[in-house]
N, C-alpha and C. Protein backbone atom coordinates (compact mmCIF):
# COMPACT_ATOMS: atom_id res chain seq x y z
N MET A 1 1.07 -1.44 0.28
CA MET A 1 0.33 -0.22 -0.14
C MET A 1 0.82 1.13 -0.40
N LYS A 2 1.74 1.39 0.99
CA LYS A 2 3.31 2.30 0.60
C LYS A 2 3.19 2.91 -0.89
N VAL A 3 3.71 1.45 -1.56
CA VAL A 3 3.71 1.96 -2.97
C VAL A 3 3.11 2.93 -3.36
N VAL A 4 1.76 2.20 -3.63
CA VAL A 4 0.42 2.18 -4.22
C VAL A 4 0.93 3.93 -3.83
N TRP A 5 0.66 4.65 -2.59
CA TRP A 5 0.17 5.98 -2.19
C TRP A 5 1.74 7.15 -1.99
N SER A 6 2.63 6.49 -2.56
CA SER A 6 3.88 7.15 -2.95
C SER A 6 3.76 7.33 -4.22
N ASN A 7 2.76 6.88 -5.03
CA ASN A 7 2.91 7.34 -6.62
C ASN A 7 2.10 8.20 -7.02
N ALA A 8 1.60 8.54 -8.06
CA ALA A 8 0.58 9.34 -8.23
C ALA A 8 -0.81 8.37 -9.00
N PRO A 9 -1.37 7.59 -8.55
CA PRO A 9 -2.25 6.70 -9.05
C PRO A 9 -2.61 7.43 -10.57
N PRO A 10 -2.93 6.18 -11.78
CA PRO A 10 -2.81 4.53 -11.14
C PRO A 10 -1.39 4.34 -11.28
N VAL A 11 -1.64 3.33 -10.71
CA VAL A 11 -0.12 2.56 -10.74
C VAL A 11 -0.42 1.38 -11.11
N THR A 12 0.75 0.86 -11.86
CA THR A 12 0.91 -0.84 -12.13
C THR A 12 1.72 -1.82 -11.46
N ALA A 13 1.78 -3.33 -11.80
CA ALA A 13 2.15 -4.88 -11.52
C ALA A 13 3.78 -3.81 -11.28
N ASN A 14 4.24 -3.20 -12.64
CA ASN A 14 5.24 -3.35 -12.74
C ASN A 14 5.93 -1.89 -12.06
N ILE A 15 5.31 -1.51 -12.02
CA ILE A 15 5.82 0.24 -10.94
C ILE A 15 6.30 -0.41 -9.46
N VAL A 16 5.09 -1.02 -9.00
CA VAL A 16 5.23 -1.55 -7.44
C VAL A 16 6.54 -2.71 -7.58
N MET A 17 6.37 -3.77 -8.79
CA MET A 17 7.85 -4.41 -8.72
C MET A 17 8.87 -4.26 -8.92
N GLU A 18 9.20 -2.36 -9.45
CA GLU A 18 10.10 -1.80 -9.20
C GLU A 18 10.39 -1.53 -7.90
N GLN A 19 9.72 -1.02 -7.43
CA GLN A 19 9.96 -0.05 -5.73
C GLN A 19 10.20 -1.36 -4.82
N LEU A 20 9.48 -2.41 -4.92
CA LEU A 20 9.07 -2.93 -3.61
C LEU A 20 9.41 -4.99 -4.22
N GLY A 21 9.70 -4.78 -5.39
CA GLY A 21 10.01 -6.37 -5.45
C GLY A 21 11.48 -6.50 -5.44
N LYS A 22 12.29 -5.43 -6.09
CA LYS A 22 13.87 -5.59 -5.56
C LYS A 22 14.12 -5.85 -4.57
N LYS A 23 13.47 -4.53 -3.74
CA LYS A 23 14.09 -4.75 -1.98
C LYS A 23 13.91 -6.26 -1.44
N LYS A 24 12.49 -6.46 -1.80
CA LYS A 24 11.67 -7.93 -0.99
C LYS A 24 12.82 -8.78 -2.02
N LYS A 25 12.98 -8.81 -3.08
CA LYS A 25 13.26 -9.80 -3.62
C LYS A 25 12.48 -10.89 -4.44
N TRP A 26 11.11 -10.51 -4.56
CA TRP A 26 9.83 -10.91 -5.03
C TRP A 26 10.27 -11.44 -6.67
N LYS A 27 9.33 -12.50 -6.67
CA LYS A 27 8.88 -12.81 -8.05
C LYS A 27 7.76 -11.86 -8.28
N ALA A 28 7.62 -11.40 -9.93
CA ALA A 28 6.56 -10.84 -10.54
C ALA A 28 4.93 -11.66 -10.01
N GLN A 29 5.03 -12.45 -10.45
CA GLN A 29 3.60 -13.00 -10.01
C GLN A 29 3.46 -13.09 -7.94
N THR A 30 4.47 -12.83 -7.30
CA THR A 30 4.67 -12.64 -5.88
C THR A 30 3.46 -11.42 -6.00
N VAL A 31 4.44 -10.39 -6.41
CA VAL A 31 3.48 -8.87 -6.42
C VAL A 31 2.70 -9.05 -7.00
N ILE A 32 1.87 -9.56 -7.99
CA ILE A 32 0.91 -9.63 -8.50
C ILE A 32 -0.34 -10.11 -7.76
N SER A 33 0.22 -11.24 -7.18
CA SER A 33 -0.90 -12.08 -6.28
C SER A 33 -1.23 -10.72 -4.90
N LEU A 34 -0.25 -10.28 -4.33
CA LEU A 34 -0.15 -9.01 -3.51
C LEU A 34 -1.39 -7.74 -3.56
N MET A 35 -1.22 -7.71 -4.98
CA MET A 35 -1.95 -6.79 -5.17
C MET A 35 -3.57 -6.66 -5.47
N LEU A 36 -3.64 -8.38 -6.10
CA LEU A 36 -4.85 -8.57 -6.16
C LEU A 36 -5.38 -9.15 -4.76
N ARG A 37 -4.66 -9.80 -3.64
CA ARG A 37 -5.51 -10.17 -2.28
C ARG A 37 -5.79 -8.39 -2.51
N LEU A 38 -4.94 -7.69 -2.18
CA LEU A 38 -5.38 -5.93 -1.70
C LEU A 38 -6.78 -5.39 -2.23
N VAL A 39 -7.05 -5.83 -4.02
CA VAL A 39 -7.98 -5.89 -4.53
C VAL A 39 -9.07 -6.73 -3.60
N GLU A 40 -9.26 -7.76 -3.56
CA GLU A 40 -9.73 -8.49 -2.86
C GLU A 40 -10.48 -7.95 -1.50
N ARG A 41 -9.95 -7.48 -0.44
CA ARG A 41 -10.05 -7.10 0.28
C ARG A 41 -10.84 -5.64 0.74
N GLY A 42 -10.67 -5.14 -1.06
CA GLY A 42 -11.54 -3.96 -1.14
C GLY A 42 -10.34 -2.56 -0.52
N PHE A 43 -8.83 -2.83 -0.95
CA PHE A 43 -7.83 -1.69 -0.55
C PHE A 43 -7.75 -0.67 -1.58
N LEU A 44 -7.64 -1.57 -3.05
CA LEU A 44 -7.12 -1.06 -3.93
C LEU A 44 -7.95 -1.62 -5.04
N GLY A 45 -8.51 -0.48 -6.09
CA GLY A 45 -9.40 -0.99 -7.34
C GLY A 45 -8.63 -0.97 -8.12
N THR A 46 -9.00 -1.82 -9.38
CA THR A 46 -8.23 -2.21 -10.56
C THR A 46 -8.86 -2.12 -11.88
N GLU A 47 -8.35 -1.96 -12.97
CA GLU A 47 -9.19 -1.65 -14.45
C GLU A 47 -8.19 -2.28 -15.10
N LYS A 48 -8.24 -2.98 -16.21
CA LYS A 48 -7.56 -3.06 -17.44
C LYS A 48 -7.65 -2.48 -18.10
N THR A 49 -6.72 -1.83 -18.84
CA THR A 49 -5.87 -1.30 -20.01
C THR A 49 -5.44 -1.60 -21.01
N GLY A 50 -5.86 -1.87 -22.02
CA GLY A 50 -4.75 -2.76 -22.79
C GLY A 50 -4.46 -4.04 -22.51
N LYS A 51 -3.38 -3.79 -22.28
CA LYS A 51 -2.72 -5.86 -22.20
C LYS A 51 -2.46 -4.74 -20.21
N GLU A 52 -2.32 -4.23 -19.92
CA GLU A 52 -1.68 -3.95 -18.65
C GLU A 52 -2.91 -3.64 -17.72
N ARG A 53 -2.93 -3.82 -16.28
CA ARG A 53 -3.76 -3.70 -15.62
C ARG A 53 -3.04 -2.52 -14.51
N ILE A 54 -4.19 -1.34 -14.47
CA ILE A 54 -3.94 -0.61 -13.23
C ILE A 54 -4.33 -0.50 -12.06
N TYR A 55 -3.60 -0.02 -10.82
CA TYR A 55 -4.26 -0.29 -9.62
C TYR A 55 -4.60 1.05 -8.98
N PHE A 56 -5.00 1.30 -7.88
CA PHE A 56 -5.71 2.83 -7.42
C PHE A 56 -6.16 2.17 -5.87
N PRO A 57 -5.81 3.27 -5.51
CA PRO A 57 -6.00 2.86 -3.94
C PRO A 57 -7.82 3.23 -3.57
N ILE A 58 -8.24 2.45 -3.02
CA ILE A 58 -9.68 2.90 -2.51
C ILE A 58 -9.73 3.53 -0.86
N ILE A 59 -8.61 3.12 -0.44
CA ILE A 59 -8.74 3.48 1.47
C ILE A 59 -7.95 4.12 1.62
N SER A 60 -7.67 5.38 2.54
CA SER A 60 -6.97 6.57 2.70
C SER A 60 -5.81 5.57 3.42
N ARG A 61 -4.78 6.52 3.73
CA ARG A 61 -3.20 5.65 4.31
C ARG A 61 -3.90 5.97 6.21
N GLU A 62 -4.63 6.48 6.89
CA GLU A 62 -5.44 6.70 8.14
C GLU A 62 -6.51 5.40 8.25
N ASP A 63 -7.09 5.34 6.95
CA ASP A 63 -8.38 4.83 7.47
C ASP A 63 -7.88 3.45 7.25
N TYR A 64 -6.45 2.70 6.66
CA TYR A 64 -6.18 1.79 6.43
C TYR A 64 -5.04 1.58 7.65
N LEU A 65 -4.46 2.47 8.50
CA LEU A 65 -3.58 2.10 9.43
C LEU A 65 -4.18 1.72 10.61
N LYS A 66 -5.64 2.87 10.58
CA LYS A 66 -6.93 2.31 11.93
C LYS A 66 -6.99 0.77 11.40
N PHE A 67 -7.78 0.36 10.76
CA PHE A 67 -8.00 -0.90 10.40
C PHE A 67 -6.69 -1.90 10.88
N GLU A 68 -5.22 -1.98 10.03
CA GLU A 68 -4.36 -2.83 10.26
C GLU A 68 -4.32 -2.82 11.77
N THR A 69 -4.66 -1.75 12.97
CA THR A 69 -4.25 -1.69 14.15
C THR A 69 -5.28 -1.94 14.59
N ASN A 70 -6.41 -2.15 14.10
CA ASN A 70 -7.47 -2.76 15.26
C ASN A 70 -7.14 -4.49 14.59
N ASN A 71 -6.88 -4.84 13.61
CA ASN A 71 -7.24 -6.02 13.45
C ASN A 71 -5.88 -6.74 14.00
N PHE A 72 -4.95 -5.89 13.82
CA PHE A 72 -3.82 -6.47 14.77
C PHE A 72 -3.74 -7.13 16.52
N ILE A 73 -4.57 -6.04 16.89
CA ILE A 73 -4.98 -5.64 18.58
C ILE A 73 -5.76 -7.15 18.87
N LYS A 74 -6.78 -7.00 17.51
CA LYS A 74 -8.00 -8.62 17.68
C LYS A 74 -7.06 -10.08 17.35
N GLN A 75 -6.16 -9.77 16.54
CA GLN A 75 -5.56 -11.36 16.19
C GLN A 75 -4.47 -11.54 17.14
N TYR A 76 -3.55 -10.49 18.08
CA TYR A 76 -2.50 -10.86 18.79
C TYR A 76 -2.74 -10.33 19.96
N HIS A 77 -3.67 -9.61 20.49
CA HIS A 77 -3.91 -9.76 21.94
C HIS A 77 -4.89 -9.42 22.36
N ASN A 78 -5.82 -10.39 22.22
CA ASN A 78 -7.54 -10.45 22.66
C ASN A 78 -8.21 -9.26 22.10
N ASN A 79 -8.28 -8.68 20.99
CA ASN A 79 -9.04 -7.64 21.22
C ASN A 79 -8.35 -6.64 22.57
N SER A 80 -7.51 -6.52 23.33
CA SER A 80 -7.34 -6.13 24.63
C SER A 80 -6.33 -5.21 24.33
N LEU A 81 -6.53 -3.54 24.33
CA LEU A 81 -5.59 -2.91 24.24
C LEU A 81 -4.75 -2.77 25.69
N LEU A 82 -5.11 -3.48 26.62
CA LEU A 82 -4.16 -3.40 27.77
C LEU A 82 -3.72 -4.55 27.84
N ASN A 83 -3.64 -6.04 27.19
CA ASN A 83 -2.51 -6.58 26.48
C ASN A 83 -1.73 -5.89 25.87
N LEU A 84 -1.78 -5.52 24.97
CA LEU A 84 -0.54 -4.67 23.99
C LEU A 84 0.17 -4.01 24.59
N VAL A 85 -0.54 -3.26 25.26
CA VAL A 85 0.31 -2.41 26.83
C VAL A 85 1.80 -3.26 27.43
N ASN A 86 0.53 -4.36 28.05
CA ASN A 86 1.23 -4.70 29.12
C ASN A 86 2.86 -5.99 27.80
N THR A 87 2.58 -6.34 27.24
CA THR A 87 3.62 -6.90 26.36
C THR A 87 4.82 -5.54 26.10
N LEU A 88 4.00 -4.61 25.75
CA LEU A 88 5.11 -3.69 25.24
C LEU A 88 5.69 -3.07 26.63
N TYR A 89 4.89 -2.90 27.65
CA TYR A 89 6.03 -2.97 28.70
C TYR A 89 6.56 -3.54 29.35
N ASP A 90 6.33 -5.24 29.54
CA ASP A 90 6.98 -6.40 29.58
C ASP A 90 8.51 -6.70 28.93
N ASP A 91 8.18 -6.46 27.59
CA ASP A 91 9.40 -6.08 26.80
C ASP A 91 10.60 -4.89 26.91
N ASN A 92 10.27 -4.27 28.03
CA ASN A 92 10.52 -2.54 28.10
C ASN A 92 11.07 -1.64 26.61
N THR A 93 9.89 -2.03 26.14
CA THR A 93 9.50 -0.98 24.93
C THR A 93 9.40 0.29 25.22
N LEU A 94 8.40 0.48 25.67
CA LEU A 94 7.56 1.57 26.68
C LEU A 94 8.86 2.14 27.76
N THR A 95 8.94 3.25 27.49
CA THR A 95 9.91 3.83 28.23
C THR A 95 8.97 4.95 29.28
N ASP A 96 10.01 5.76 30.14
CA ASP A 96 8.97 6.38 31.34
C ASP A 96 8.03 7.46 30.10
N LYS A 97 9.15 7.83 29.27
CA LYS A 97 8.50 8.90 28.50
C LYS A 97 7.65 8.76 27.63
N ASP A 98 7.54 7.35 27.31
CA ASP A 98 6.34 6.90 26.95
C ASP A 98 5.09 6.62 27.25
N ILE A 99 5.68 6.37 29.02
CA ILE A 99 4.54 6.30 29.76
C ILE A 99 3.32 7.52 30.27
N ASP A 100 4.46 8.26 30.39
CA ASP A 100 4.21 10.03 30.60
C ASP A 100 2.93 10.65 29.41
N GLU A 101 3.55 9.88 28.21
CA GLU A 101 2.96 10.63 26.99
C GLU A 101 1.04 9.87 27.00
N LEU A 102 1.40 9.13 27.63
CA LEU A 102 -0.26 7.76 27.31
C LEU A 102 -0.97 8.72 28.57
N LEU A 103 -0.41 8.62 29.56
CA LEU A 103 -1.27 9.08 31.02
C LEU A 103 -1.39 10.40 30.66
N GLN A 104 -0.72 11.36 30.51
CA GLN A 104 -1.15 12.75 29.85
C GLN A 104 -2.45 12.72 28.04
N TRP A 105 -2.22 11.69 27.70
CA TRP A 105 -3.07 11.79 26.62
C TRP A 105 -4.61 11.34 27.50
N ILE A 106 -4.63 10.09 27.80
CA ILE A 106 -5.97 10.19 28.61
C ILE A 106 -6.35 10.80 29.83
N LYS A 107 -5.62 11.56 29.79
CA LYS A 107 -5.94 12.83 30.98
C LYS A 107 -7.06 13.80 30.32
N GLU A 108 -6.07 14.02 28.71
CA GLU A 108 -6.80 14.30 27.56
C GLU A 108 -7.65 14.22 27.56
N ARG A 109 -8.10 13.30 26.73
CA ARG A 109 -9.61 12.66 26.54
C ARG A 109 -10.20 12.43 26.98
N ARG A 110 -10.26 12.14 28.75
CA ARG A 110 -11.35 12.30 30.10
C ARG A 110 -11.51 13.82 29.97
N GLY A 111 -11.20 14.61 30.06
CA GLY A 111 -11.31 16.01 29.94
C GLY A 111 -11.40 16.16 31.73
């Protein structure tokens, strides 16, 4: 999705392959399969123009980030934000500054 958003739409599988495939060492068919899965999930739209298929984003970065974040919390943390925060805390990923920022954020939201 990052490659699609970073290029002026529409993009082709070749553009994605040039920017992502070489970095990931993916074959063209892998990139095409990924693009088709994103179409099936409703994140990309696609049209056939001549011999080439073009793709364009249907979802904004912000909405996609919300979707993936919620999906991650549901899938790996039993839909519990507390479980996620505990994991970060137990792994010493959260600093005191992070905790202070979280507390400030909570205070602001609660008003």
